[in-house]
Amino acid sequence: MREIIGEYQHLKKNISLLIDKSGYKNVFIAEKIGLLPNHFSVKKQRNSWTDQEIDKILSVIENEALEDYYFGMMMDGTNKEETLSLAQLKSNMKAWK
């Protein structure tokens, strides 16, 4: 469960970047989610979105290319984790037999 919370926090932290990468204009997204463009701009600068606003924003901007971009961002964050090379994995698997 903590992993889910961590993923959501990462999404919430990066939603303004995802808006920029989506290719949609702020005014368009603001109209679609029912916010005034000025209010939308302030919320974007402060990253002060509510959970409901994030859900609405994602319903507008979500597409396969954006999901791929976000997945890449998340994978970049895992570079700090310890990994094994394929050779090391095969060696470890032999020991398991």
C-alpha atoms as a PDB file:
ATOM      1  CA  MET A   1       0.000   0.000   0.000  1.00  0.00           C
ATOM      2  CA  ARG A   2       2.826   2.387   0.741  1.00  0.00           C
ATOM      3  CA  GLU A   3       4.026   1.923  -2.808  1.00  0.00           C
ATOM      4  CA  ILE A   4       0.657   3.130  -4.113  1.00  0.00           C
ATOM      5  CA  ILE A   5       0.819   6.192  -1.883  1.00  0.00           C
ATOM      6  CA  GLY A   6       4.369   6.883  -3.036  1.00  0.00           C
ATOM      7  CA  GLU A   7       3.329   6.639  -6.677  1.00  0.00           C
ATOM      8  CA  TYR A   8       0.423   9.010  -6.096  1.00  0.00           C
ATOM      9  CA  GLN A   9       2.670  11.503  -4.312  1.00  0.00           C
ATOM     10  CA  HIS A  10       5.082  11.345  -7.252  1.00  0.00           C
ATOM     11  CA  LEU A  11       2.213  11.949  -9.670  1.00  0.00           C
ATOM     12  CA  LYS A  12       0.886  14.856  -7.608  1.00  0.00           C
ATOM     13  CA  LYS A  13       4.363  16.392  -7.401  1.00  0.00           C
ATOM     14  CA  ASN A  14       4.812  16.177 -11.181  1.00  0.00           C
ATOM     15  CA  ILE A  15       1.317  16.990 -12.466  1.00  0.00           C
ATOM     16  CA  SER A  16       2.336  20.503 -13.584  1.00  0.00           C
ATOM     17  CA  LEU A  17       5.167  19.037 -15.657  1.00  0.00           C
ATOM     18  CA  LEU A  18       2.769  16.506 -17.167  1.00  0.00           C
ATOM     19  CA  ILE A  19       0.411  19.332 -18.084  1.00  0.00           C
ATOM     20  CA  ASP A  20       3.269  21.037 -19.932  1.00  0.00           C
ATOM     21  CA  LYS A  21       4.274  17.803 -21.689  1.00  0.00           C
ATOM     22  CA  SER A  22       0.685  17.047 -22.700  1.00  0.00           C
ATOM     23  CA  GLY A  23       0.721  19.710 -25.407  1.00  0.00           C
ATOM     24  CA  TYR A  24      -2.584  21.185 -24.276  1.00  0.00           C
ATOM     25  CA  LYS A  25      -2.818  24.871 -23.488  1.00  0.00           C
ATOM     26  CA  ASN A  26      -3.543  25.828 -19.899  1.00  0.00           C
ATOM     27  CA  VAL A  27      -6.655  27.741 -20.951  1.00  0.00           C
ATOM     28  CA  PHE A  28      -8.081  24.653 -22.659  1.00  0.00           C
ATOM     29  CA  ILE A  29      -7.482  22.420 -19.630  1.00  0.00           C
ATOM     30  CA  ALA A  30      -8.823  25.068 -17.259  1.00  0.00           C
ATOM     31  CA  GLU A  31     -12.065  25.304 -19.246  1.00  0.00           C
ATOM     32  CA  LYS A  32     -12.414  21.520 -19.406  1.00  0.00           C
ATOM     33  CA  ILE A  33     -12.076  21.109 -15.634  1.00  0.00           C
ATOM     34  CA  GLY A  34     -14.178  24.143 -14.734  1.00  0.00           C
ATOM     35  CA  LEU A  35     -11.530  26.565 -13.452  1.00  0.00           C
ATOM     36  CA  LEU A  36     -10.870  30.132 -14.471  1.00  0.00           C
ATOM     37  CA  PRO A  37      -7.604  30.346 -16.450  1.00  0.00           C
ATOM     38  CA  ASN A  38      -6.031  32.701 -13.875  1.00  0.00           C
ATOM     39  CA  HIS A  39      -6.957  30.364 -11.019  1.00  0.00           C
ATOM     40  CA  PHE A  40      -5.606  27.397 -12.981  1.00  0.00           C
ATOM     41  CA  SER A  41      -2.314  29.219 -13.581  1.00  0.00           C
ATOM     42  CA  VAL A  42      -1.854  30.003  -9.877  1.00  0.00           C
ATOM     43  CA  LYS A  43      -2.631  26.408  -8.873  1.00  0.00           C
ATOM     44  CA  LYS A  44      -0.144  25.177 -11.472  1.00  0.00           C
ATOM     45  CA  GLN A  45       2.612  27.485 -10.220  1.00  0.00           C
ATOM     46  CA  ARG A  46       2.021  26.511  -6.592  1.00  0.00           C
ATOM     47  CA  ASN A  47       1.280  22.879  -7.396  1.00  0.00           C
ATOM     48  CA  SER A  48      -1.742  23.152  -5.112  1.00  0.00           C
ATOM     49  CA  TRP A  49      -4.110  20.762  -6.847  1.00  0.00           C
ATOM     50  CA  THR A  50      -6.854  18.901  -5.035  1.00  0.00           C
ATOM     51  CA  ASP A  51      -7.274  15.187  -5.624  1.00  0.00           C
ATOM     52  CA  GLN A  52     -10.432  15.884  -7.620  1.00  0.00           C
ATOM     53  CA  GLU A  53      -8.643  18.433  -9.821  1.00  0.00           C
ATOM     54  CA  ILE A  54      -5.838  15.983 -10.530  1.00  0.00           C
ATOM     55  CA  ASP A  55      -8.399  13.389 -11.551  1.00  0.00           C
ATOM     56  CA  LYS A  56     -10.112  15.882 -13.882  1.00  0.00           C
ATOM     57  CA  ILE A  57      -6.808  17.038 -15.367  1.00  0.00           C
ATOM     58  CA  LEU A  58      -5.753  13.459 -16.062  1.00  0.00           C
ATOM     59  CA  SER A  59      -9.089  12.757 -17.752  1.00  0.00           C
ATOM     60  CA  VAL A  60      -8.258  15.592 -20.191  1.00  0.00           C
ATOM     61  CA  ILE A  61      -4.532  15.074 -20.805  1.00  0.00           C
ATOM     62  CA  GLU A  62      -4.098  11.325 -20.402  1.00  0.00           C
ATOM     63  CA  ASN A  63      -2.851   9.528 -23.499  1.00  0.00           C
ATOM     64  CA  GLU A  64      -0.390   6.772 -24.327  1.00  0.00           C
ATOM     65  CA  ALA A  65       2.528   9.101 -25.120  1.00  0.00           C
ATOM     66  CA  LEU A  66       2.112  10.953 -21.826  1.00  0.00           C
ATOM     67  CA  GLU A  67       1.859   7.683 -19.905  1.00  0.00           C
ATOM     68  CA  ASP A  68       5.104   6.522 -21.557  1.00  0.00           C
ATOM     69  CA  TYR A  69       6.787   9.783 -20.575  1.00  0.00           C
ATOM     70  CA  TYR A  70       5.602   9.474 -16.968  1.00  0.00           C
ATOM     71  CA  PHE A  71       6.669   5.826 -16.796  1.00  0.00           C
ATOM     72  CA  GLY A  72      10.118   6.891 -18.006  1.00  0.00           C
ATOM     73  CA  MET A  73      10.263   9.525 -15.248  1.00  0.00           C
ATOM     74  CA  MET A  74       9.404   6.895 -12.673  1.00  0.00           C
ATOM     75  CA  MET A  75      12.033   4.524 -14.054  1.00  0.00           C
ATOM     76  CA  ASP A  76      14.658   7.270 -13.822  1.00  0.00           C
ATOM     77  CA  GLY A  77      13.854   7.463 -10.124  1.00  0.00           C
ATOM     78  CA  THR A  78      14.671   3.786  -9.693  1.00  0.00           C
ATOM     79  CA  ASN A  79      18.269   4.247 -10.865  1.00  0.00           C
ATOM     80  CA  LYS A  80      19.273   4.668  -7.241  1.00  0.00           C
ATOM     81  CA  GLU A  81      18.078   1.175  -6.399  1.00  0.00           C
ATOM     82  CA  GLU A  82      20.487  -1.728  -6.425  1.00  0.00           C
ATOM     83  CA  THR A  83      20.257  -3.811  -9.595  1.00  0.00           C
ATOM     84  CA  LEU A  84      21.845  -6.958 -10.984  1.00  0.00           C
ATOM     85  CA  SER A  85      23.312  -7.497 -14.418  1.00  0.00           C
ATOM     86  CA  LEU A  86      21.918 -10.354 -16.485  1.00  0.00           C
ATOM     87  CA  ALA A  87      25.111 -12.352 -15.841  1.00  0.00           C
ATOM     88  CA  GLN A  88      24.750 -11.850 -12.083  1.00  0.00           C
ATOM     89  CA  LEU A  89      21.108 -12.902 -12.219  1.00  0.00           C
ATOM     90  CA  LYS A  90      21.943 -16.079 -14.144  1.00  0.00           C
ATOM     91  CA  SER A  91      24.714 -16.860 -11.673  1.00  0.00           C
ATOM     92  CA  ASN A  92      22.331 -16.386  -8.743  1.00  0.00           C
ATOM     93  CA  MET A  93      19.687 -18.528 -10.432  1.00  0.00           C
ATOM     94  CA  LYS A  94      22.177 -21.409 -10.777  1.00  0.00           C
ATOM     95  CA  ALA A  95      22.728 -21.270  -7.027  1.00  0.00           C
ATOM     96  CA  TRP A  96      18.974 -21.584  -6.447  1.00  0.00           C
ATOM     97  CA  LYS A  97      18.814 -25.003  -8.120  1.00  0.00           C
END
